[in-house]
Every structure is written in C-alpha cells, then in structure tokens.
C-alpha atoms as a PDB file:
ATOM      1  CA  UNK A   1      25.232 -13.434  28.352  1.00  0.00           C
ATOM      2  CA  UNK A   2      21.471 -15.340  28.549  1.00  0.00           C
ATOM      3  CA  UNK A   3      21.198 -18.138  26.374  1.00  0.00           C
ATOM      4  CA  UNK A   4      17.889 -18.489  24.821  1.00  0.00           C
ATOM      5  CA  UNK A   5      16.209 -21.486  23.184  1.00  0.00           C
ATOM      6  CA  UNK A   6      15.693 -21.879  19.228  1.00  0.00           C
ATOM      7  CA  UNK A   7      12.117 -22.225  19.605  1.00  0.00           C
ATOM      8  CA  UNK A   8       9.667 -21.123  22.221  1.00  0.00           C
ATOM      9  CA  UNK A   9       9.225 -24.168  25.143  1.00  0.00           C
ATOM     10  CA  UNK A  10       5.592 -25.389  26.259  1.00  0.00           C
ATOM     11  CA  UNK A  11       3.669 -22.382  27.853  1.00  0.00           C
ATOM     12  CA  UNK A  12       3.553 -22.727  31.567  1.00  0.00           C
ATOM     13  CA  UNK A  13       0.479 -24.297  32.964  1.00  0.00           C
ATOM     14  CA  UNK A  14      -0.904 -20.856  34.249  1.00  0.00           C
ATOM     15  CA  UNK A  15      -1.169 -19.871  30.508  1.00  0.00           C
ATOM     16  CA  UNK A  16      -4.403 -20.061  29.080  1.00  0.00           C
ATOM     17  CA  UNK A  17      -3.637 -22.048  25.643  1.00  0.00           C
ATOM     18  CA  UNK A  18      -7.074 -21.258  24.234  1.00  0.00           C
ATOM     19  CA  UNK A  19      -8.606 -23.205  21.482  1.00  0.00           C
ATOM     20  CA  UNK A  20     -10.860 -20.897  19.790  1.00  0.00           C
ATOM     21  CA  UNK A  21      -8.637 -20.141  17.208  1.00  0.00           C
ATOM     22  CA  UNK A  22      -8.097 -23.007  14.681  1.00  0.00           C
ATOM     23  CA  UNK A  23      -6.857 -21.846  11.346  1.00  0.00           C
ATOM     24  CA  UNK A  24      -7.270 -24.126   8.188  1.00  0.00           C
ATOM     25  CA  UNK A  25      -4.222 -26.976   8.140  1.00  0.00           C
ATOM     26  CA  UNK A  26      -2.690 -25.299   5.258  1.00  0.00           C
ATOM     27  CA  UNK A  27      -2.077 -22.244   7.961  1.00  0.00           C
ATOM     28  CA  UNK A  28      -0.819 -24.054  10.733  1.00  0.00           C
ATOM     29  CA  UNK A  29       2.273 -22.777  10.125  1.00  0.00           C
ATOM     30  CA  UNK A  30       3.964 -19.845  12.376  1.00  0.00           C
ATOM     31  CA  UNK A  31       6.097 -18.510   9.370  1.00  0.00           C
ATOM     32  CA  UNK A  32       3.325 -18.563   6.915  1.00  0.00           C
ATOM     33  CA  UNK A  33       0.989 -16.895   9.262  1.00  0.00           C
ATOM     34  CA  UNK A  34       3.655 -13.965   9.866  1.00  0.00           C
ATOM     35  CA  UNK A  35       4.035 -13.340   6.348  1.00  0.00           C
ATOM     36  CA  UNK A  36       0.612 -13.683   4.843  1.00  0.00           C
ATOM     37  CA  UNK A  37      -0.992 -10.487   5.929  1.00  0.00           C
ATOM     38  CA  UNK A  38       1.858  -8.724   4.456  1.00  0.00           C
ATOM     39  CA  UNK A  39       1.650 -10.186   1.234  1.00  0.00           C
ATOM     40  CA  UNK A  40      -2.098 -11.162   0.868  1.00  0.00           C
ATOM     41  CA  UNK A  41      -4.311  -8.654   3.043  1.00  0.00           C
ATOM     42  CA  UNK A  42      -6.265  -5.433   1.836  1.00  0.00           C
ATOM     43  CA  UNK A  43      -8.775  -3.796   4.226  1.00  0.00           C
ATOM     44  CA  UNK A  44     -11.077  -0.936   3.228  1.00  0.00           C
ATOM     45  CA  UNK A  45     -11.841   1.713   5.258  1.00  0.00           C
ATOM     46  CA  UNK A  46     -12.805   5.681   4.816  1.00  0.00           C
ATOM     47  CA  UNK A  47     -10.404   7.539   5.285  1.00  0.00           C
ATOM     48  CA  UNK A  48      -9.027   8.906   8.241  1.00  0.00           C
ATOM     49  CA  UNK A  49      -8.798  12.908   9.991  1.00  0.00           C
ATOM     50  CA  UNK A  50      -5.341  13.127  10.012  1.00  0.00           C
ATOM     51  CA  UNK A  51      -3.910  15.377  13.010  1.00  0.00           C
ATOM     52  CA  UNK A  52      -0.356  16.008  13.753  1.00  0.00           C
ATOM     53  CA  UNK A  53       0.439  16.325  17.727  1.00  0.00           C
ATOM     54  CA  UNK A  54       3.528  18.508  18.570  1.00  0.00           C
ATOM     55  CA  UNK A  55       5.341  16.887  21.637  1.00  0.00           C
ATOM     56  CA  UNK A  56       7.200  19.108  24.519  1.00  0.00           C
ATOM     57  CA  UNK A  57      10.651  18.594  22.719  1.00  0.00           C
ATOM     58  CA  UNK A  58       9.418  20.293  19.462  1.00  0.00           C
ATOM     59  CA  UNK A  59       8.765  16.748  17.470  1.00  0.00           C
ATOM     60  CA  UNK A  60       5.297  15.593  15.828  1.00  0.00           C
ATOM     61  CA  UNK A  61       3.362  12.988  16.182  1.00  0.00           C
ATOM     62  CA  UNK A  62       1.249  11.890  13.407  1.00  0.00           C
ATOM     63  CA  UNK A  63      -2.683  10.912  14.636  1.00  0.00           C
ATOM     64  CA  UNK A  64      -5.529   8.936  12.628  1.00  0.00           C
ATOM     65  CA  UNK A  65      -8.897   9.410  13.737  1.00  0.00           C
ATOM     66  CA  UNK A  66     -11.715   7.400  13.192  1.00  0.00           C
ATOM     67  CA  UNK A  67     -14.546   9.410  14.867  1.00  0.00           C
ATOM     68  CA  UNK A  68     -18.203   8.822  15.142  1.00  0.00           C
ATOM     69  CA  UNK A  69     -19.019  10.506  18.277  1.00  0.00           C
ATOM     70  CA  UNK A  70     -19.568   7.378  20.100  1.00  0.00           C
ATOM     71  CA  UNK A  71     -18.339   8.402  23.893  1.00  0.00           C
ATOM     72  CA  UNK A  72     -15.389   5.479  23.787  1.00  0.00           C
ATOM     73  CA  UNK A  73     -12.248   5.336  21.873  1.00  0.00           C
ATOM     74  CA  UNK A  74      -9.671   2.589  21.535  1.00  0.00           C
ATOM     75  CA  UNK A  75      -5.759   3.799  21.115  1.00  0.00           C
ATOM     76  CA  UNK A  76      -4.005   1.664  18.562  1.00  0.00           C
ATOM     77  CA  UNK A  77      -0.198   1.221  18.798  1.00  0.00           C
ATOM     78  CA  UNK A  78       1.878  -0.225  15.601  1.00  0.00           C
ATOM     79  CA  UNK A  79       4.604  -2.639  15.269  1.00  0.00           C
ATOM     80  CA  UNK A  80       8.015  -2.457  14.558  1.00  0.00           C
ATOM     81  CA  UNK A  81       8.796  -0.285  11.105  1.00  0.00           C
ATOM     82  CA  UNK A  82       4.655  -0.120  10.778  1.00  0.00           C
ATOM     83  CA  UNK A  83       2.500   2.535  10.823  1.00  0.00           C
ATOM     84  CA  UNK A  84      -0.819   3.395  11.264  1.00  0.00           C
ATOM     85  CA  UNK A  85      -2.136   2.108   8.019  1.00  0.00           C
ATOM     86  CA  UNK A  86      -0.887  -1.299   8.153  1.00  0.00           C
ATOM     87  CA  UNK A  87      -3.588  -4.041   7.559  1.00  0.00           C
ATOM     88  CA  UNK A  88      -3.608  -5.341  10.903  1.00  0.00           C
ATOM     89  CA  UNK A  89      -4.107  -1.737  12.243  1.00  0.00           C
ATOM     90  CA  UNK A  90      -7.083  -1.420   9.812  1.00  0.00           C
ATOM     91  CA  UNK A  91      -7.992  -4.682  10.633  1.00  0.00           C
ATOM     92  CA  UNK A  92      -9.042  -3.778  14.113  1.00  0.00           C
ATOM     93  CA  UNK A  93      -9.701  -0.110  13.701  1.00  0.00           C
ATOM     94  CA  UNK A  94     -12.471  -1.699  11.230  1.00  0.00           C
ATOM     95  CA  UNK A  95     -13.864  -4.172  13.734  1.00  0.00           C
ATOM     96  CA  UNK A  96     -14.125  -1.701  16.558  1.00  0.00           C
ATOM     97  CA  UNK A  97     -15.832   0.889  14.640  1.00  0.00           C
ATOM     98  CA  UNK A  98     -18.497  -1.423  13.468  1.00  0.00           C
ATOM     99  CA  UNK A  99     -18.769  -2.062  17.420  1.00  0.00           C
ATOM    100  CA  UNK A 100     -19.384   1.356  17.593  1.00  0.00           C
ATOM    101  CA  UNK A 101     -15.824   2.406  18.762  1.00  0.00           C
ATOM    102  CA  UNK A 102     -14.154   5.975  17.850  1.00  0.00           C
ATOM    103  CA  UNK A 103     -10.174   4.855  17.108  1.00  0.00           C
ATOM    104  CA  UNK A 104      -7.405   6.818  16.823  1.00  0.00           C
ATOM    105  CA  UNK A 105      -4.555   5.307  15.013  1.00  0.00           C
ATOM    106  CA  UNK A 106      -0.836   7.028  16.009  1.00  0.00           C
ATOM    107  CA  UNK A 107       2.671   6.686  14.244  1.00  0.00           C
ATOM    108  CA  UNK A 108       5.477   6.463  16.492  1.00  0.00           C
ATOM    109  CA  UNK A 109       8.228   8.838  15.245  1.00  0.00           C
ATOM    110  CA  UNK A 110       9.674   8.798  11.880  1.00  0.00           C
ATOM    111  CA  UNK A 111       7.275   6.504  10.846  1.00  0.00           C
ATOM    112  CA  UNK A 112       4.052   7.023   8.830  1.00  0.00           C
ATOM    113  CA  UNK A 113       5.955   8.409   5.696  1.00  0.00           C
ATOM    114  CA  UNK A 114       6.819  11.717   7.657  1.00  0.00           C
ATOM    115  CA  UNK A 115      10.678  11.973   9.385  1.00  0.00           C
ATOM    116  CA  UNK A 116      10.737  13.547  12.875  1.00  0.00           C
ATOM    117  CA  UNK A 117      12.456  16.489  13.661  1.00  0.00           C
ATOM    118  CA  UNK A 118      14.670  15.294  16.368  1.00  0.00           C
ATOM    119  CA  UNK A 119      17.671  12.916  16.200  1.00  0.00           C
ATOM    120  CA  UNK A 120      15.816  10.175  18.286  1.00  0.00           C
ATOM    121  CA  UNK A 121      13.104   8.333  16.344  1.00  0.00           C
ATOM    122  CA  UNK A 122      11.201   5.229  18.477  1.00  0.00           C
ATOM    123  CA  UNK A 123      12.094   2.757  20.735  1.00  0.00           C
ATOM    124  CA  UNK A 124       9.849   0.169  22.634  1.00  0.00           C
ATOM    125  CA  UNK A 125      10.069   1.777  25.718  1.00  0.00           C
ATOM    126  CA  UNK A 126       9.355   5.249  24.242  1.00  0.00           C
ATOM    127  CA  UNK A 127       6.009   5.510  26.467  1.00  0.00           C
ATOM    128  CA  UNK A 128       6.554   9.430  26.659  1.00  0.00           C
ATOM    129  CA  UNK A 129       4.996   9.575  23.545  1.00  0.00           C
ATOM    130  CA  UNK A 130       2.337   7.253  23.929  1.00  0.00           C
ATOM    131  CA  UNK A 131       1.636   9.084  27.134  1.00  0.00           C
ATOM    132  CA  UNK A 132       1.354  12.638  24.884  1.00  0.00           C
ATOM    133  CA  UNK A 133      -0.927  10.481  22.448  1.00  0.00           C
ATOM    134  CA  UNK A 134      -3.128   9.574  25.676  1.00  0.00           C
ATOM    135  CA  UNK A 135      -3.062  12.414  27.152  1.00  0.00           C
ATOM    136  CA  UNK A 136      -4.207  14.588  23.834  1.00  0.00           C
ATOM    137  CA  UNK A 137      -7.069  12.125  23.613  1.00  0.00           C
ATOM    138  CA  UNK A 138      -8.552  12.294  27.122  1.00  0.00           C
ATOM    139  CA  UNK A 139      -8.291  16.191  26.710  1.00  0.00           C
ATOM    140  CA  UNK A 140     -10.010  16.219  23.202  1.00  0.00           C
ATOM    141  CA  UNK A 141     -13.258  18.069  22.614  1.00  0.00           C
ATOM    142  CA  UNK A 142     -15.160  14.322  22.134  1.00  0.00           C
ATOM    143  CA  UNK A 143     -15.525  13.926  26.068  1.00  0.00           C
ATOM    144  CA  UNK A 144     -14.226  10.649  26.279  1.00  0.00           C
ATOM    145  CA  UNK A 145     -15.283   8.509  29.397  1.00  0.00           C
ATOM    146  CA  UNK A 146     -13.966   5.239  28.200  1.00  0.00           C
ATOM    147  CA  UNK A 147     -10.903   4.536  26.648  1.00  0.00           C
ATOM    148  CA  UNK A 148      -9.437   1.552  26.114  1.00  0.00           C
ATOM    149  CA  UNK A 149      -5.582   0.704  24.555  1.00  0.00           C
ATOM    150  CA  UNK A 150      -4.392  -1.815  22.187  1.00  0.00           C
ATOM    151  CA  UNK A 151      -1.108  -2.695  20.468  1.00  0.00           C
ATOM    152  CA  UNK A 152       0.745  -5.025  18.539  1.00  0.00           C
ATOM    153  CA  UNK A 153       4.099  -6.725  18.525  1.00  0.00           C
ATOM    154  CA  UNK A 154       6.620  -3.610  19.704  1.00  0.00           C
ATOM    155  CA  UNK A 155       3.422  -1.110  20.369  1.00  0.00           C
ATOM    156  CA  UNK A 156       2.217  -4.058  22.313  1.00  0.00           C
ATOM    157  CA  UNK A 157       5.089  -4.147  24.595  1.00  0.00           C
ATOM    158  CA  UNK A 158       4.714  -0.207  24.458  1.00  0.00           C
ATOM    159  CA  UNK A 159       1.064  -0.186  25.732  1.00  0.00           C
ATOM    160  CA  UNK A 160       1.673  -2.826  28.579  1.00  0.00           C
ATOM    161  CA  UNK A 161       5.038  -0.798  29.834  1.00  0.00           C
ATOM    162  CA  UNK A 162       2.756   2.633  29.647  1.00  0.00           C
ATOM    163  CA  UNK A 163       0.331   0.941  31.918  1.00  0.00           C
ATOM    164  CA  UNK A 164       2.462  -0.363  34.253  1.00  0.00           C
ATOM    165  CA  UNK A 165       4.561   2.755  34.578  1.00  0.00           C
ATOM    166  CA  UNK A 166       1.103   4.481  35.264  1.00  0.00           C
ATOM    167  CA  UNK A 167       0.260   1.876  37.924  1.00  0.00           C
ATOM    168  CA  UNK A 168      -2.166   3.409  40.405  1.00  0.00           C
ATOM    169  CA  UNK A 169      -2.074   6.990  39.259  1.00  0.00           C
ATOM    170  CA  UNK A 170      -4.088   5.587  36.184  1.00  0.00           C
ATOM    171  CA  UNK A 171      -6.282   7.954  34.868  1.00  0.00           C
ATOM    172  CA  UNK A 172      -9.963   6.084  35.396  1.00  0.00           C
ATOM    173  CA  UNK A 173     -11.168   6.716  32.240  1.00  0.00           C
ATOM    174  CA  UNK A 174      -8.443   4.114  30.713  1.00  0.00           C
ATOM    175  CA  UNK A 175     -10.208   1.030  31.213  1.00  0.00           C
ATOM    176  CA  UNK A 176      -7.772  -1.424  30.405  1.00  0.00           C
ATOM    177  CA  UNK A 177      -6.429  -2.772  27.051  1.00  0.00           C
ATOM    178  CA  UNK A 178      -5.378  -6.065  24.924  1.00  0.00           C
ATOM    179  CA  UNK A 179      -1.971  -6.511  23.144  1.00  0.00           C
ATOM    180  CA  UNK A 180      -0.616  -9.266  20.331  1.00  0.00           C
ATOM    181  CA  UNK A 181       2.268 -10.882  19.722  1.00  0.00           C
ATOM    182  CA  UNK A 182       4.536  -8.910  22.515  1.00  0.00           C
ATOM    183  CA  UNK A 183       8.178  -9.365  22.771  1.00  0.00           C
ATOM    184  CA  UNK A 184       7.522  -8.482  26.115  1.00  0.00           C
ATOM    185  CA  UNK A 185      11.205 -10.075  26.937  1.00  0.00           C
ATOM    186  CA  UNK A 186      13.262  -7.840  24.264  1.00  0.00           C
ATOM    187  CA  UNK A 187      16.405  -9.546  24.757  1.00  0.00           C
ATOM    188  CA  UNK A 188      15.056 -13.310  24.214  1.00  0.00           C
ATOM    189  CA  UNK A 189      13.204 -12.087  20.901  1.00  0.00           C
ATOM    190  CA  UNK A 190      16.385 -10.250  19.733  1.00  0.00           C
ATOM    191  CA  UNK A 191      18.129 -13.396  20.040  1.00  0.00           C
ATOM    192  CA  UNK A 192      15.197 -15.143  18.277  1.00  0.00           C
ATOM    193  CA  UNK A 193      15.696 -12.906  15.644  1.00  0.00           C
ATOM    194  CA  UNK A 194      19.289 -13.339  14.986  1.00  0.00           C
ATOM    195  CA  UNK A 195      19.244 -17.071  14.619  1.00  0.00           C
ATOM    196  CA  UNK A 196      19.649 -18.329  11.221  1.00  0.00           C
ATOM    197  CA  UNK A 197      16.292 -19.460  10.311  1.00  0.00           C
ATOM    198  CA  UNK A 198      15.178 -15.493  11.067  1.00  0.00           C
ATOM    199  CA  UNK A 199      17.359 -14.211   8.432  1.00  0.00           C
ATOM    200  CA  UNK A 200      14.593 -13.424   6.160  1.00  0.00           C
ATOM    201  CA  UNK A 201      13.060 -11.620   9.128  1.00  0.00           C
ATOM    202  CA  UNK A 202      15.928  -9.977  10.480  1.00  0.00           C
ATOM    203  CA  UNK A 203      17.100  -8.461   6.732  1.00  0.00           C
ATOM    204  CA  UNK A 204      13.860  -6.957   6.056  1.00  0.00           C
ATOM    205  CA  UNK A 205      13.645  -4.871   9.435  1.00  0.00           C
ATOM    206  CA  UNK A 206      17.430  -3.820   8.993  1.00  0.00           C
ATOM    207  CA  UNK A 207      16.888  -2.969   5.262  1.00  0.00           C
ATOM    208  CA  UNK A 208      13.832  -0.363   6.337  1.00  0.00           C
ATOM    209  CA  UNK A 209      15.947   0.847   9.066  1.00  0.00           C
ATOM    210  CA  UNK A 210      18.871   1.388   6.751  1.00  0.00           C
ATOM    211  CA  UNK A 211      16.808   3.683   4.731  1.00  0.00           C
ATOM    212  CA  UNK A 212      15.646   5.735   7.965  1.00  0.00           C
ATOM    213  CA  UNK A 213      19.128   6.101   9.373  1.00  0.00           C
ATOM    214  CA  UNK A 214      20.666   7.205   5.756  1.00  0.00           C
ATOM    215  CA  UNK A 215      17.908  10.057   6.036  1.00  0.00           C
ATOM    216  CA  UNK A 216      18.909  10.425   9.360  1.00  0.00           C
ATOM    217  CA  UNK A 217      22.218  10.989   8.830  1.00  0.00           C
ATOM    218  CA  UNK A 218      21.663  13.473   6.203  1.00  0.00           C
ATOM    219  CA  UNK A 219      19.485  15.163   8.820  1.00  0.00           C
ATOM    220  CA  UNK A 220      22.037  14.972  11.512  1.00  0.00           C
ATOM    221  CA  UNK A 221      25.649  14.308  10.365  1.00  0.00           C
ATOM    222  CA  UNK A 222      27.367  15.130  13.413  1.00  0.00           C
ATOM    223  CA  UNK A 223      25.153  12.509  16.173  1.00  0.00           C
ATOM    224  CA  UNK A 224      24.325  10.023  13.039  1.00  0.00           C
ATOM    225  CA  UNK A 225      26.861   8.181  11.044  1.00  0.00           C
ATOM    226  CA  UNK A 226      25.696   5.246   8.343  1.00  0.00           C
ATOM    227  CA  UNK A 227      29.252   3.847   7.087  1.00  0.00           C
ATOM    228  CA  UNK A 228      29.624   0.536   7.196  1.00  0.00           C
ATOM    229  CA  UNK A 229      25.734  -0.266   8.065  1.00  0.00           C
ATOM    230  CA  UNK A 230      26.085  -3.265   5.410  1.00  0.00           C
ATOM    231  CA  UNK A 231      27.843  -4.949   8.233  1.00  0.00           C
ATOM    232  CA  UNK A 232      25.190  -5.071  11.026  1.00  0.00           C
ATOM    233  CA  UNK A 233      23.191  -8.385  10.745  1.00  0.00           C
ATOM    234  CA  UNK A 234      20.656  -8.415  14.257  1.00  0.00           C
ATOM    235  CA  UNK A 235      19.278  -6.132  16.619  1.00  0.00           C
ATOM    236  CA  UNK A 236      22.246  -6.068  19.206  1.00  0.00           C
ATOM    237  CA  UNK A 237      24.264  -4.530  16.460  1.00  0.00           C
ATOM    238  CA  UNK A 238      21.820  -1.953  15.511  1.00  0.00           C
ATOM    239  CA  UNK A 239      20.774  -1.035  18.960  1.00  0.00           C
ATOM    240  CA  UNK A 240      24.278  -0.750  20.180  1.00  0.00           C
ATOM    241  CA  UNK A 241      25.483   1.316  17.595  1.00  0.00           C
ATOM    242  CA  UNK A 242      22.216   3.569  17.049  1.00  0.00           C
ATOM    243  CA  UNK A 243      18.919   2.980  19.630  1.00  0.00           C
ATOM    244  CA  UNK A 244      20.917   3.205  22.861  1.00  0.00           C
ATOM    245  CA  UNK A 245      22.665   6.161  22.264  1.00  0.00           C
ATOM    246  CA  UNK A 246      19.999   8.281  20.679  1.00  0.00           C
ATOM    247  CA  UNK A 247      18.032   7.602  23.108  1.00  0.00           C
ATOM    248  CA  UNK A 248      19.940   7.791  26.916  1.00  0.00           C
ATOM    249  CA  UNK A 249      20.813   4.240  27.075  1.00  0.00           C
ATOM    250  CA  UNK A 250      24.081   2.601  28.049  1.00  0.00           C
ATOM    251  CA  UNK A 251      23.802  -0.026  25.116  1.00  0.00           C
ATOM    252  CA  UNK A 252      21.791  -2.559  23.646  1.00  0.00           C
ATOM    253  CA  UNK A 253      21.343  -4.909  27.337  1.00  0.00           C
ATOM    254  CA  UNK A 254      20.757  -1.517  28.934  1.00  0.00           C
ATOM    255  CA  UNK A 255      17.765  -0.683  26.446  1.00  0.00           C
ATOM    256  CA  UNK A 256      15.909  -4.307  26.376  1.00  0.00           C
ATOM    257  CA  UNK A 257      16.501  -4.469  30.293  1.00  0.00           C
ATOM    258  CA  UNK A 258      14.635  -0.299  30.963  1.00  0.00           C
ATOM    259  CA  UNK A 259      12.337  -1.085  28.204  1.00  0.00           C
ATOM    260  CA  UNK A 260      10.873  -4.538  28.269  1.00  0.00           C
ATOM    261  CA  UNK A 261       7.307  -4.743  29.711  1.00  0.00           C
ATOM    262  CA  UNK A 262       8.027  -8.127  31.297  1.00  0.00           C
ATOM    263  CA  UNK A 263       9.101  -7.260  34.578  1.00  0.00           C
ATOM    264  CA  UNK A 264       6.401  -4.756  34.907  1.00  0.00           C
ATOM    265  CA  UNK A 265       3.490  -6.188  33.829  1.00  0.00           C
ATOM    266  CA  UNK A 266       2.521  -6.530  38.272  1.00  0.00           C
ATOM    267  CA  UNK A 267       2.401  -3.273  37.875  1.00  0.00           C
ATOM    268  CA  UNK A 268      -0.351  -2.567  35.874  1.00  0.00           C
ATOM    269  CA  UNK A 269      -3.540  -1.995  37.405  1.00  0.00           C
ATOM    270  CA  UNK A 270      -6.349  -2.040  34.776  1.00  0.00           C
ATOM    271  CA  UNK A 271      -7.313  -5.067  32.996  1.00  0.00           C
ATOM    272  CA  UNK A 272      -5.397  -6.121  30.455  1.00  0.00           C
ATOM    273  CA  UNK A 273      -4.938  -8.972  28.123  1.00  0.00           C
ATOM    274  CA  UNK A 274      -1.694 -10.289  26.230  1.00  0.00           C
ATOM    275  CA  UNK A 275      -2.050 -12.701  23.291  1.00  0.00           C
ATOM    276  CA  UNK A 276       0.912 -14.521  21.993  1.00  0.00           C
ATOM    277  CA  UNK A 277       0.831 -17.312  19.642  1.00  0.00           C
ATOM    278  CA  UNK A 278       3.099 -20.655  20.416  1.00  0.00           C
ATOM    279  CA  UNK A 279       4.491 -20.739  16.967  1.00  0.00           C
ATOM    280  CA  UNK A 280       5.511 -17.288  16.990  1.00  0.00           C
ATOM    281  CA  UNK A 281       9.179 -17.014  15.346  1.00  0.00           C
ATOM    282  CA  UNK A 282       9.983 -13.613  17.086  1.00  0.00           C
ATOM    283  CA  UNK A 283       9.321 -14.813  20.431  1.00  0.00           C
ATOM    284  CA  UNK A 284      11.414 -16.623  23.193  1.00  0.00           C
ATOM    285  CA  UNK A 285       9.970 -19.086  25.889  1.00  0.00           C
ATOM    286  CA  UNK A 286      10.146 -16.059  27.920  1.00  0.00           C
ATOM    287  CA  UNK A 287       7.226 -14.015  26.363  1.00  0.00           C
ATOM    288  CA  UNK A 288       4.587 -16.552  27.723  1.00  0.00           C
ATOM    289  CA  UNK A 289       5.066 -15.677  31.420  1.00  0.00           C
ATOM    290  CA  UNK A 290       2.643 -17.680  33.499  1.00  0.00           C
ATOM    291  CA  UNK A 291       3.113 -16.962  36.817  1.00  0.00           C
ATOM    292  CA  UNK A 292       1.320 -14.656  39.173  1.00  0.00           C
ATOM    293  CA  UNK A 293       3.505 -13.121  40.644  1.00  0.00           C
ATOM    294  CA  UNK A 294       5.387 -12.192  37.535  1.00  0.00           C
ATOM    295  CA  UNK A 295       1.486 -10.970  35.783  1.00  0.00           C
ATOM    296  CA  UNK A 296       0.404  -9.378  38.848  1.00  0.00           C
ATOM    297  CA  UNK A 297      -3.574  -9.109  39.358  1.00  0.00           C
ATOM    298  CA  UNK A 298      -4.562  -7.660  35.911  1.00  0.00           C
ATOM    299  CA  UNK A 299      -2.723  -9.335  33.814  1.00  0.00           C
ATOM    300  CA  UNK A 300      -3.707 -12.400  31.737  1.00  0.00           C
ATOM    301  CA  UNK A 301      -1.912 -13.958  29.046  1.00  0.00           C
ATOM    302  CA  UNK A 302      -3.277 -16.495  26.051  1.00  0.00           C
ATOM    303  CA  UNK A 303      -0.960 -18.633  24.005  1.00  0.00           C
ATOM    304  CA  UNK A 304      -3.136 -20.001  20.762  1.00  0.00           C
ATOM    305  CA  UNK A 305      -1.304 -22.777  18.944  1.00  0.00           C
ATOM    306  CA  UNK A 306      -1.218 -21.155  16.071  1.00  0.00           C
ATOM    307  CA  UNK A 307      -0.843 -17.575  14.721  1.00  0.00           C
ATOM    308  CA  UNK A 308       2.325 -16.345  14.013  1.00  0.00           C
ATOM    309  CA  UNK A 309       3.387 -13.387  14.074  1.00  0.00           C
ATOM    310  CA  UNK A 310       0.546 -10.469  13.872  1.00  0.00           C
ATOM    311  CA  UNK A 311      -1.143 -13.478  12.481  1.00  0.00           C
ATOM    312  CA  UNK A 312      -4.335 -14.947  13.450  1.00  0.00           C
ATOM    313  CA  UNK A 313      -5.385 -15.118   9.559  1.00  0.00           C
ATOM    314  CA  UNK A 314      -9.202 -16.130   9.533  1.00  0.00           C
ATOM    315  CA  UNK A 315     -10.748 -16.536   5.993  1.00  0.00           C
ATOM    316  CA  UNK A 316     -14.088 -15.328   6.717  1.00  0.00           C
ATOM    317  CA  UNK A 317     -16.472 -13.901   4.457  1.00  0.00           C
ATOM    318  CA  UNK A 318     -16.795 -10.408   6.687  1.00  0.00           C
ATOM    319  CA  UNK A 319     -12.639 -10.424   6.610  1.00  0.00           C
ATOM    320  CA  UNK A 320     -12.072 -10.199   9.778  1.00  0.00           C
ATOM    321  CA  UNK A 321      -9.248 -11.953  11.693  1.00  0.00           C
ATOM    322  CA  UNK A 322      -9.374 -14.007  14.416  1.00  0.00           C
ATOM    323  CA  UNK A 323      -7.347 -11.194  16.890  1.00  0.00           C
ATOM    324  CA  UNK A 324      -9.547  -8.636  15.663  1.00  0.00           C
ATOM    325  CA  UNK A 325     -12.593 -10.728  17.406  1.00  0.00           C
ATOM    326  CA  UNK A 326     -10.790 -11.538  20.142  1.00  0.00           C
ATOM    327  CA  UNK A 327      -9.799  -8.015  20.821  1.00  0.00           C
ATOM    328  CA  UNK A 328     -13.470  -6.621  20.310  1.00  0.00           C
ATOM    329  CA  UNK A 329     -15.049  -9.134  22.508  1.00  0.00           C
ATOM    330  CA  UNK A 330     -12.597  -8.406  25.422  1.00  0.00           C
ATOM    331  CA  UNK A 331     -12.177  -4.406  25.128  1.00  0.00           C
ATOM    332  CA  UNK A 332     -16.171  -4.823  25.001  1.00  0.00           C
ATOM    333  CA  UNK A 333     -16.168  -6.727  28.106  1.00  0.00           C
ATOM    334  CA  UNK A 334     -14.068  -3.932  29.908  1.00  0.00           C
ATOM    335  CA  UNK A 335     -17.382  -1.735  30.108  1.00  0.00           C
END
C-alpha cells in the first residue's frame, strides 16, 4: 500500500506558489480557514430558478439557475456532502453574476435535500452526471456560446476529470475551467483524512453519510445494509462497503484509481486552473503536481501558501473571498 506524508510537502518548482493571497495573520492556519466559512459566512443571493433534470437511468438531478441573459454561462459543482446553496457556491455565483455571467449550480445525486431514486448516489468520478448537466445547458434556449466550468473539492476533481474524458472532442463552446481545493489524488487525500489529526473532518463526513445511507437502506433494503456502520472510521472502509459496490468498482483502491483526475490532466484540451492551498489539511503532497508531463499543455496549478480547504477567506467590505476574485479574473480572461 502506498504511504503518504502526514502533511503536504513543499510544492514543486513548476507550480506557481502565488503570493497574491495574503490573509490576516490570525487566518494563516489551514484548519481555521477550512472551518471558518461554514461557521460564519452568509451569502445573500436572490432565489434561483429551480429545475429538475431527468437522467437516462430514470433518476433526477436538481439544478439552480441564475439567469440574466448574458450569453455566457458558468456551471458550478459542489464538494462532498455539499449542495448548490452552500456559502462557497453562492459566493462564487454572486461574484460571477456581478461580472455579467449566468450561473448554473447543480446538486449531485442525493444532495440538496432530495434523495435520488436509484441505489447509486454520487462519487468523485461520476462524470456522466456532469456531462448530462453540461449538455442540458448547451441545449437550452438561452443559446450560450461561452461556457465555463468550476468546481470545489470533489466537484473540482469531477470537473477536471470530465474535461479530460472529453479531450479533443470537447464542445468548442466550453472555454475552460477553474477548480479549488482539488483532491486530484483520491488515495492520497483519503490517507490524509484517515490521520488522527483529521478526525474531526472524517467524523463529520461519516455522520452525514450515515444519515444518507440509512435513508437508502429503507428504500433499497436488498442492496444496502447499515448494520455496524458505526465501526467505519475512514473513507477506505466506507468506499469499500458502499461506494465501490454501488457504482461498479472492485474496491476502494479501484474506485480511487479510476476516478482521480491526476493522471488524466494531460488529456485536457481547454485552459484549466487548479488552485490548491499548501496548508489544505485534506490534500497530500501528490495533489500538487508540477511536472508538465502530468499537467499536459492546458492545465496550470497555483498553490497559495494559505487558504485551507475551500477557504481562501477574505474579510473584505464587499463580502467576496479571494478565491472568487481569482476565479472571476481567470474565467473572464478565457473570453
């Protein structure tokens, strides 16, 4: 079994350790950055237009649209056990809307307060669902000619993996992507979160997933059993028991290997920016690739010294975070 360092190592020289994000001294802590937005951030945004998208396997995806007829659209994918109205999604949506973008934020299967209809739920490599959302948006009557993708954490991995799978055949209207706090090496991130120092994060994820699996077990008792769930302590055990068998993988290792975007980045053929903070407590050193043979011709990695996991907190009067300013600047440049 591959061993991982307990903390991310210094990033490769080829990675841009950008110094543009400089939080206050008291926020230069990866753990504080990771929990602060969930505890204290509130984003005010007008209610979206909700839509239910039917999938090819008789399931549903729930979408939130923010339309202003701009002709350009940003599609946002949330993180593990997140949803389309988490503060980090709304913060980016608000920043993009202010810059003239339409926004589509979508919920993975079983997320957003609505349980999906199939035994499967979501996972880091479920690009078929993102593909359905993208195709639906491209076929909408809005007539978008410029589409950009954005994702956070698991949603970042999903976004980059989708672009890699599209490769040379990507729709020319998709101009590029920006992704934050990306566990591009899923095995490495799982190992990091299994550390005793990450127990508080692991427990929260497992508590949320336990509630979800209890609901699934009622709906599909022949497929899902939650007896003894309390003994699960990490993602290896959860993915071996639930994610892998429900989604057609041999085991957790097979799931992580097939679903990680790390070794597919070189296949991406549109500009893509991955921003991972060096103090992110969820990411192993392998989540900071710097070699061009790994990144390919179109992917750029930035690794600010601070930012935590989906943090990048900025205590600005306008309410925006540094990550939102960086995303807007990058996506605007694509056009």
